[in-house]
Amino acid sequence: MQKTEGIATDAPKGGSTYGDFEIVDDQGDIELQTLFTGVCGTDRGMVAGHLQFAYNPKGQSNIILGHEALGKVIDPGSSTSLRKGDLVVPVVRRPGDCVNCRIGRQDNCSDGEKHEAGITGKNGFMRRTFYDSEEFLVKVPDLSMKDYAVLTEPTKNVMKALEVFGIVSKRSVFAAGDSTYRGKKCTVIGTGPEAFLYAMSFSDLGFTTHITNRHPVDDNRLKICEYFNLGFVDYSTDMGTFDQGIDVVVDTSGDPGTIFTFYRKLNNNGIMLLFGTNGKAQPTSVSGVDIDHMIERNLTILGTVDAAKIHYIQALEKLSQWGNLPNSPLKKLITSLYDPQDETVFTRRNPSEIKAVIRWD
């Protein structure tokens, strides 16, 4: 049993409590100090009591929040590859006993018996210290990444989605005539951190990439777009940009009305990746014309969630690549730093916020 300072909620009821908590579900003998934890819509949704699928660890009346974390090794325990002072990112999903979980692909859990740190049945990382096993820790290769390695968890979602895209796109010749993606069009719905990470990744693949929202954005976002060769479109005033069609749509909003507005812009053999979740979003109507559109154009619509350990490794490689670019604005995705005791991070969001992070060290 471990006692540590942290931030907890009573899932799925909501609320947040900052204080000292006894932790009984840590496994492993590697002692870690939390440096940073990212705050995302899942954390805020849990505090608001909007996520009915969230639940406390067995026998507990609360759950420590936090699934996006960067930690530092205090004591490597029995590890043969980690040393004191190493930076690590903990894996969020912990396996159940299905066939996918048994091969390290709990991101594709087939029976729902996996647990997600800080979300479903396992305490998360919004706390000063925690213990873990080497199996579920990914070493950060470069200490200079300390200021942005907390973005690994959201970036690994993108790496998983790119894997899925690569598989599904093989149903047809998806590349352009020169065997690359030059001239292919990708639109990412949303202007939060995941939207930027998706857009930057598809731009790296060669897609002409736009991010879009239904309102203007601040100068920081526009500068990041310019640096990474992304276009921005306020679709409330300009849908004409998309009249020539889109090959890939990535949704990070979870809004059905917006999703189907852009679905209708997909070209033949187009792919829509659904990542955003929003249980409070208003319903929308789907007609027979929409079904015809899907069938006649050979469209693919799929959901993608979480990732495997390999995707964390790929995410760190991608973040290192972006972070080492000349005058890289990667750090500018992190727009707000909070102290652990400032629980307004869950209830107040500055309009200029891209990514909010709690600093623990």
Protein backbone atom coordinates (compact mmCIF):
# COMPACT_ATOMS: atom_id res chain seq x y z
CA MET A 1 0.00 0.00 0.00
CA GLN A 2 1.26 3.45 -0.95
CA LYS A 3 0.14 6.86 0.29
CA THR A 4 0.60 9.77 -2.09
CA GLU A 5 -0.71 13.22 -2.89
CA GLY A 6 -3.03 13.24 -5.87
CA ILE A 7 -6.27 14.26 -7.55
CA ALA A 8 -9.23 11.87 -7.54
CA THR A 9 -12.83 11.68 -8.68
CA ASP A 10 -15.70 9.34 -7.81
CA ALA A 11 -16.43 7.68 -11.15
CA PRO A 12 -18.81 7.94 -12.80
CA LYS A 13 -20.48 10.48 -10.48
CA GLY A 14 -17.79 13.12 -10.91
CA GLY A 15 -16.30 15.88 -8.80
CA SER A 16 -12.63 16.26 -7.91
CA THR A 17 -10.68 16.01 -4.67
CA TYR A 18 -7.06 17.01 -4.08
CA GLY A 19 -5.34 15.38 -1.12
CA ASP A 20 -3.52 12.30 0.16
CA PHE A 21 -4.74 8.90 -1.00
CA GLU A 22 -3.86 5.30 -0.27
CA ILE A 23 -3.05 3.35 -3.42
CA VAL A 24 -3.52 -0.41 -3.39
CA ASP A 25 -3.54 -1.35 -7.08
CA ASP A 26 0.01 -0.40 -8.16
CA GLN A 27 1.96 -3.36 -9.51
CA GLY A 28 5.71 -3.49 -10.02
CA ASP A 29 8.77 -2.42 -8.06
CA ILE A 30 9.92 0.57 -10.13
CA GLU A 31 9.32 3.76 -8.15
CA LEU A 32 8.52 6.82 -10.21
CA GLN A 33 8.04 10.51 -9.61
CA THR A 34 5.40 12.18 -11.75
CA LEU A 35 6.70 15.25 -13.57
CA PHE A 36 3.77 16.26 -15.77
CA THR A 37 0.24 15.04 -16.44
CA GLY A 38 -1.79 16.22 -19.39
CA VAL A 39 -5.43 17.19 -18.96
CA CYS A 40 -7.81 16.21 -21.74
CA GLY A 41 -11.52 16.06 -22.41
CA THR A 42 -11.74 12.63 -20.79
CA ASP A 43 -10.47 14.01 -17.45
CA ARG A 44 -12.83 16.96 -17.63
CA GLY A 45 -15.71 14.73 -18.65
CA MET A 46 -15.09 12.46 -15.67
CA VAL A 47 -15.01 15.37 -13.25
CA ALA A 48 -18.24 16.69 -14.77
CA GLY A 49 -19.86 13.25 -14.38
CA HIS A 50 -20.47 12.89 -18.11
CA LEU A 51 -18.61 9.64 -18.75
CA GLN A 52 -20.79 6.77 -17.59
CA PHE A 53 -18.28 4.14 -18.74
CA ALA A 54 -15.69 5.33 -16.16
CA TYR A 55 -15.50 3.44 -12.86
CA ASN A 56 -13.42 3.24 -9.68
CA PRO A 57 -10.94 0.44 -8.92
CA LYS A 58 -12.57 -2.51 -7.19
CA GLY A 59 -13.23 -1.78 -3.50
CA GLN A 60 -12.40 1.94 -3.78
CA SER A 61 -14.71 4.92 -3.48
CA ASN A 62 -12.67 7.00 -5.91
CA ILE A 63 -10.12 6.79 -8.71
CA ILE A 64 -6.93 8.82 -9.15
CA LEU A 65 -7.27 10.74 -12.41
CA GLY A 66 -4.71 11.08 -15.17
CA HIS A 67 -3.71 8.93 -18.15
CA GLU A 68 -1.29 11.28 -19.91
CA ALA A 69 1.93 11.33 -17.91
CA LEU A 70 5.67 11.81 -17.91
CA GLY A 71 7.57 10.31 -14.99
CA LYS A 72 11.13 10.04 -13.71
CA VAL A 73 12.65 6.87 -12.28
CA ILE A 74 13.42 7.25 -8.56
CA ASP A 75 14.30 3.61 -7.94
CA PRO A 76 14.63 1.17 -10.88
CA GLY A 77 13.92 -1.84 -8.65
CA SER A 78 14.55 -5.06 -10.56
CA SER A 79 14.65 -3.37 -13.98
CA THR A 80 17.62 -4.23 -16.17
CA SER A 81 17.11 -1.43 -18.70
CA LEU A 82 16.05 1.57 -16.61
CA ARG A 83 18.29 3.71 -14.44
CA LYS A 84 17.65 6.31 -11.77
CA GLY A 85 16.82 9.62 -13.44
CA ASP A 86 15.49 8.12 -16.68
CA LEU A 87 12.33 9.68 -18.09
CA VAL A 88 9.47 7.31 -18.87
CA VAL A 89 5.92 7.39 -20.17
CA PRO A 90 3.49 4.86 -18.62
CA VAL A 91 1.18 2.83 -20.84
CA VAL A 92 -2.48 3.62 -20.14
CA ARG A 93 -4.31 0.40 -20.99
CA ARG A 94 -3.58 -2.69 -18.92
CA PRO A 95 -4.47 -6.09 -20.40
CA GLY A 96 -7.28 -8.44 -19.57
CA ASP A 97 -7.20 -12.02 -20.78
CA CYS A 98 -8.57 -11.93 -24.33
CA VAL A 99 -6.41 -13.00 -27.25
CA ASN A 100 -5.54 -9.42 -28.19
CA CYS A 101 -4.61 -8.50 -24.63
CA ARG A 102 -2.38 -11.56 -24.37
CA ILE A 103 -0.26 -10.41 -27.31
CA GLY A 104 0.16 -6.84 -26.05
CA ARG A 105 -2.66 -5.36 -28.14
CA GLN A 106 -5.01 -4.40 -25.33
CA ASP A 107 -5.88 -1.38 -27.48
CA ASN A 108 -7.93 -3.91 -29.47
CA CYS A 109 -9.34 -5.69 -26.40
CA SER A 110 -12.13 -7.98 -27.58
CA ASP A 111 -13.97 -8.67 -24.31
CA GLY A 112 -13.79 -5.29 -22.55
CA GLU A 113 -11.92 -6.67 -19.54
CA LYS A 114 -8.90 -4.34 -19.93
CA HIS A 115 -8.39 -1.44 -17.52
CA GLU A 116 -7.39 2.12 -18.33
CA ALA A 117 -5.31 4.06 -15.83
CA GLY A 118 -7.22 7.04 -14.53
CA ILE A 119 -10.41 6.05 -16.37
CA THR A 120 -11.67 2.51 -15.83
CA GLY A 121 -10.79 0.46 -12.78
CA LYS A 122 -7.15 1.47 -12.30
CA ASN A 123 -5.70 4.50 -10.53
CA GLY A 124 -4.08 7.03 -12.82
CA PHE A 125 -1.02 9.24 -12.69
CA MET A 126 -2.23 12.57 -11.30
CA ARG A 127 -0.16 12.03 -8.14
CA ARG A 128 3.32 12.71 -6.84
CA THR A 129 4.62 9.14 -7.08
CA PHE A 130 3.61 5.73 -8.35
CA TYR A 131 4.99 2.23 -8.83
CA ASP A 132 4.91 0.32 -12.10
CA SER A 133 6.36 -2.63 -14.01
CA GLU A 134 8.93 -2.35 -16.78
CA GLU A 135 6.46 -3.96 -19.17
CA PHE A 136 4.25 -0.88 -19.01
CA LEU A 137 6.91 1.83 -19.14
CA VAL A 138 8.39 3.40 -22.27
CA LYS A 139 11.76 5.09 -21.90
CA VAL A 140 12.11 8.60 -23.32
CA PRO A 141 15.24 8.43 -25.48
CA ASP A 142 16.35 12.02 -24.99
CA LEU A 143 16.29 14.01 -21.72
CA SER A 144 15.91 17.21 -23.75
CA MET A 145 12.34 16.09 -24.51
CA LYS A 146 11.29 16.70 -20.91
CA ASP A 147 9.24 19.81 -21.74
CA TYR A 148 7.04 18.09 -24.32
CA ALA A 149 7.27 14.31 -23.80
CA VAL A 150 3.95 14.53 -21.91
CA LEU A 151 2.45 14.74 -25.42
CA THR A 152 3.43 11.10 -26.01
CA GLU A 153 0.08 9.68 -24.88
CA PRO A 154 -2.04 11.74 -27.28
CA THR A 155 0.51 11.24 -30.06
CA LYS A 156 0.44 7.45 -29.70
CA ASN A 157 -3.28 7.59 -30.55
CA VAL A 158 -2.29 9.12 -33.88
CA MET A 159 0.34 6.45 -34.51
CA LYS A 160 -2.29 3.77 -33.93
CA ALA A 161 -4.70 5.55 -36.28
CA LEU A 162 -2.02 5.70 -38.98
CA GLU A 163 -1.57 1.94 -38.63
CA VAL A 164 -5.31 1.44 -39.10
CA PHE A 165 -5.34 3.88 -42.04
CA GLY A 166 -2.50 1.93 -43.68
CA ILE A 167 -4.46 -1.31 -43.41
CA VAL A 168 -7.82 0.04 -44.57
CA SER A 169 -6.41 2.11 -47.46
CA LYS A 170 -5.19 -1.11 -49.08
CA ARG A 171 -8.74 -1.90 -50.19
CA SER A 172 -7.94 0.20 -53.28
CA VAL A 173 -5.03 2.03 -54.88
CA PHE A 174 -5.12 4.97 -52.51
CA ALA A 175 -1.84 6.69 -53.34
CA ALA A 176 -1.44 9.26 -56.11
CA GLY A 177 -0.06 8.40 -59.55
CA ASP A 178 3.55 8.85 -58.41
CA SER A 179 3.04 6.31 -55.55
CA THR A 180 3.06 9.06 -52.88
CA TYR A 181 0.22 10.94 -51.16
CA ARG A 182 1.10 14.24 -52.86
CA GLY A 183 -2.11 15.93 -53.92
CA LYS A 184 -4.27 13.82 -51.64
CA LYS A 185 -6.40 15.84 -49.24
CA CYS A 186 -6.86 15.37 -45.49
CA THR A 187 -9.17 17.39 -43.25
CA VAL A 188 -9.01 17.19 -39.47
CA ILE A 189 -12.07 18.40 -37.57
CA GLY A 190 -11.13 20.27 -34.38
CA THR A 191 -8.34 22.56 -33.23
CA GLY A 192 -7.31 20.89 -29.97
CA PRO A 193 -4.05 19.03 -29.34
CA GLU A 194 -5.15 15.76 -30.94
CA ALA A 195 -6.31 17.63 -34.04
CA PHE A 196 -2.91 19.27 -34.44
CA LEU A 197 -1.05 15.99 -33.90
CA TYR A 198 -3.21 14.24 -36.49
CA ALA A 199 -2.86 17.09 -38.97
CA MET A 200 0.92 17.34 -38.53
CA SER A 201 1.25 13.59 -39.08
CA PHE A 202 -0.83 13.50 -42.26
CA SER A 203 1.03 16.55 -43.56
CA ASP A 204 4.30 14.67 -42.98
CA LEU A 205 2.91 11.86 -45.16
CA GLY A 206 2.45 14.35 -47.99
CA PHE A 207 -1.27 15.11 -47.72
CA THR A 208 -2.55 18.62 -48.35
CA THR A 209 -3.92 19.04 -44.86
CA HIS A 210 -6.43 21.40 -43.25
CA ILE A 211 -7.70 21.66 -39.72
CA THR A 212 -11.16 23.11 -39.36
CA ASN A 213 -13.53 24.42 -36.73
CA ARG A 214 -16.70 26.48 -36.66
CA HIS A 215 -15.04 29.61 -35.30
CA PRO A 216 -11.84 31.63 -35.83
CA VAL A 217 -8.68 30.65 -33.94
CA ASP A 218 -5.96 32.63 -32.17
CA ASP A 219 -2.56 33.65 -33.54
CA ASN A 220 -0.71 30.85 -31.74
CA ARG A 221 -2.75 28.23 -33.57
CA LEU A 222 -2.32 30.03 -36.89
CA LYS A 223 1.45 30.20 -36.42
CA ILE A 224 1.64 26.49 -35.64
CA CYS A 225 -0.44 25.81 -38.76
CA GLU A 226 1.91 27.92 -40.86
CA TYR A 227 5.03 26.22 -39.53
CA PHE A 228 3.73 22.70 -40.17
CA ASN A 229 2.22 23.59 -43.57
CA LEU A 230 -1.38 23.23 -42.42
CA GLY A 231 -4.33 25.23 -43.65
CA PHE A 232 -7.03 26.45 -41.30
CA VAL A 233 -10.67 26.84 -42.33
CA ASP A 234 -13.54 28.28 -40.30
CA TYR A 235 -16.20 26.03 -41.82
CA SER A 236 -19.03 28.17 -40.45
CA THR A 237 -18.13 30.76 -43.09
CA ASP A 238 -16.20 28.77 -45.71
CA MET A 239 -17.23 25.26 -46.75
CA GLY A 240 -16.20 26.02 -50.33
CA THR A 241 -12.62 25.01 -49.55
CA PHE A 242 -13.82 21.41 -49.43
CA ASP A 243 -15.90 21.41 -52.63
CA GLN A 244 -13.18 19.55 -54.55
CA GLY A 245 -13.54 16.64 -52.15
CA ILE A 246 -11.51 15.08 -49.34
CA ASP A 247 -9.67 11.77 -49.28
CA VAL A 248 -9.26 11.41 -45.50
CA VAL A 249 -11.33 13.01 -42.75
CA VAL A 250 -10.26 12.72 -39.12
CA ASP A 251 -12.81 13.76 -36.52
CA THR A 252 -11.70 14.80 -33.03
CA SER A 253 -14.97 16.54 -32.10
CA GLY A 254 -17.39 13.64 -31.63
CA ASP A 255 -20.19 15.81 -33.02
CA PRO A 256 -22.47 13.76 -35.32
CA GLY A 257 -23.74 16.75 -37.31
CA THR A 258 -20.22 17.92 -38.12
CA ILE A 259 -19.06 14.39 -38.88
CA PHE A 260 -21.76 13.84 -41.49
CA THR A 261 -21.31 17.29 -42.98
CA PHE A 262 -17.73 16.31 -43.85
CA TYR A 263 -18.54 12.69 -44.62
CA ARG A 264 -20.56 13.97 -47.57
CA LYS A 265 -17.38 15.60 -48.92
CA LEU A 266 -15.40 12.34 -49.13
CA ASN A 267 -14.07 11.32 -52.53
CA ASN A 268 -14.40 7.81 -53.94
CA ASN A 269 -12.59 5.29 -51.69
CA GLY A 270 -12.39 7.96 -48.99
CA ILE A 271 -11.71 7.14 -45.36
CA MET A 272 -13.16 8.74 -42.23
CA LEU A 273 -11.34 8.11 -38.96
CA LEU A 274 -13.46 8.76 -35.88
CA PHE A 275 -11.44 9.53 -32.76
CA GLY A 276 -13.37 12.18 -30.81
CA THR A 277 -16.05 11.16 -28.31
CA ASN A 278 -18.85 13.41 -27.10
CA GLY A 279 -21.76 11.68 -25.40
CA LYS A 280 -23.53 15.02 -24.91
CA ALA A 281 -23.49 15.95 -28.61
CA GLN A 282 -26.83 16.51 -30.32
CA PRO A 283 -28.09 13.72 -32.59
CA THR A 284 -28.23 14.14 -36.35
CA SER A 285 -30.25 12.53 -39.11
CA VAL A 286 -28.89 10.08 -41.68
CA SER A 287 -30.89 9.47 -44.84
CA GLY A 288 -30.98 6.81 -47.50
CA VAL A 289 -29.05 9.22 -49.71
CA ASP A 290 -26.22 9.10 -47.16
CA ILE A 291 -26.19 5.30 -47.25
CA ASP A 292 -26.15 5.39 -51.05
CA HIS A 293 -23.25 7.83 -50.90
CA MET A 294 -21.29 5.44 -48.65
CA ILE A 295 -21.92 2.40 -50.82
CA GLU A 296 -21.51 3.93 -54.27
CA ARG A 297 -18.25 5.65 -53.32
CA ASN A 298 -16.72 2.70 -51.44
CA LEU A 299 -16.33 4.79 -48.32
CA THR A 300 -14.85 3.52 -45.06
CA ILE A 301 -15.91 4.90 -41.68
CA LEU A 302 -14.18 3.50 -38.62
CA GLY A 303 -13.45 4.22 -34.99
CA THR A 304 -9.96 4.11 -33.51
CA VAL A 305 -9.01 4.29 -29.85
CA ASP A 306 -5.91 3.96 -27.70
CA ALA A 307 -2.71 2.22 -28.85
CA ALA A 308 -0.14 -0.46 -28.09
CA LYS A 309 3.33 -0.04 -26.62
CA ILE A 310 4.87 0.05 -30.10
CA HIS A 311 2.83 3.17 -30.83
CA TYR A 312 4.24 4.93 -27.75
CA ILE A 313 7.71 4.22 -29.12
CA GLN A 314 6.71 5.58 -32.52
CA ALA A 315 5.14 8.63 -30.84
CA LEU A 316 8.38 9.47 -29.04
CA GLU A 317 10.27 9.18 -32.32
CA LYS A 318 7.80 11.51 -34.02
CA LEU A 319 7.88 14.04 -31.15
CA SER A 320 11.69 14.01 -31.23
CA GLN A 321 11.57 14.66 -34.98
CA TRP A 322 9.21 17.61 -34.59
CA GLY A 323 10.93 18.96 -31.49
CA ASN A 324 14.34 19.05 -33.18
CA LEU A 325 13.17 21.03 -36.20
CA PRO A 326 14.69 24.56 -36.42
CA ASN A 327 12.68 26.98 -34.28
CA SER A 328 10.08 24.27 -33.72
CA PRO A 329 6.82 25.52 -32.17
CA LEU A 330 6.01 22.06 -30.79
CA LYS A 331 6.18 23.28 -27.19
CA LYS A 332 3.56 25.90 -28.02
CA LEU A 333 0.95 23.16 -28.13
CA ILE A 334 1.24 23.25 -24.33
CA THR A 335 -0.45 26.53 -23.54
CA SER A 336 -1.32 26.21 -19.83
CA LEU A 337 0.63 24.93 -16.81
CA TYR A 338 -1.28 24.32 -13.57
CA ASP A 339 -0.34 23.43 -10.00
CA PRO A 340 -1.88 20.17 -8.74
CA GLN A 341 -4.04 21.93 -6.15
CA ASP A 342 -5.59 24.24 -8.77
CA GLU A 343 -8.64 22.17 -9.61
CA THR A 344 -10.05 24.89 -11.88
CA VAL A 345 -8.09 23.12 -14.62
CA PHE A 346 -11.10 20.77 -14.85
CA THR A 347 -13.79 23.43 -14.97
CA ARG A 348 -12.26 26.47 -16.64
CA ARG A 349 -10.82 26.46 -20.14
CA ASN A 350 -9.17 29.52 -21.63
CA PRO A 351 -10.24 30.06 -25.27
CA SER A 352 -6.57 30.11 -26.30
CA GLU A 353 -5.84 26.77 -24.64
CA ILE A 354 -4.56 23.96 -26.80
CA LYS A 355 -3.11 21.67 -24.14
CA ALA A 356 -3.33 22.09 -20.37
CA VAL A 357 -0.73 20.32 -18.26
CA ILE A 358 -0.32 19.85 -14.49
CA ARG A 359 3.26 20.23 -13.28
CA TRP A 360 4.22 18.01 -10.32
CA ASP A 361 7.98 18.49 -9.92
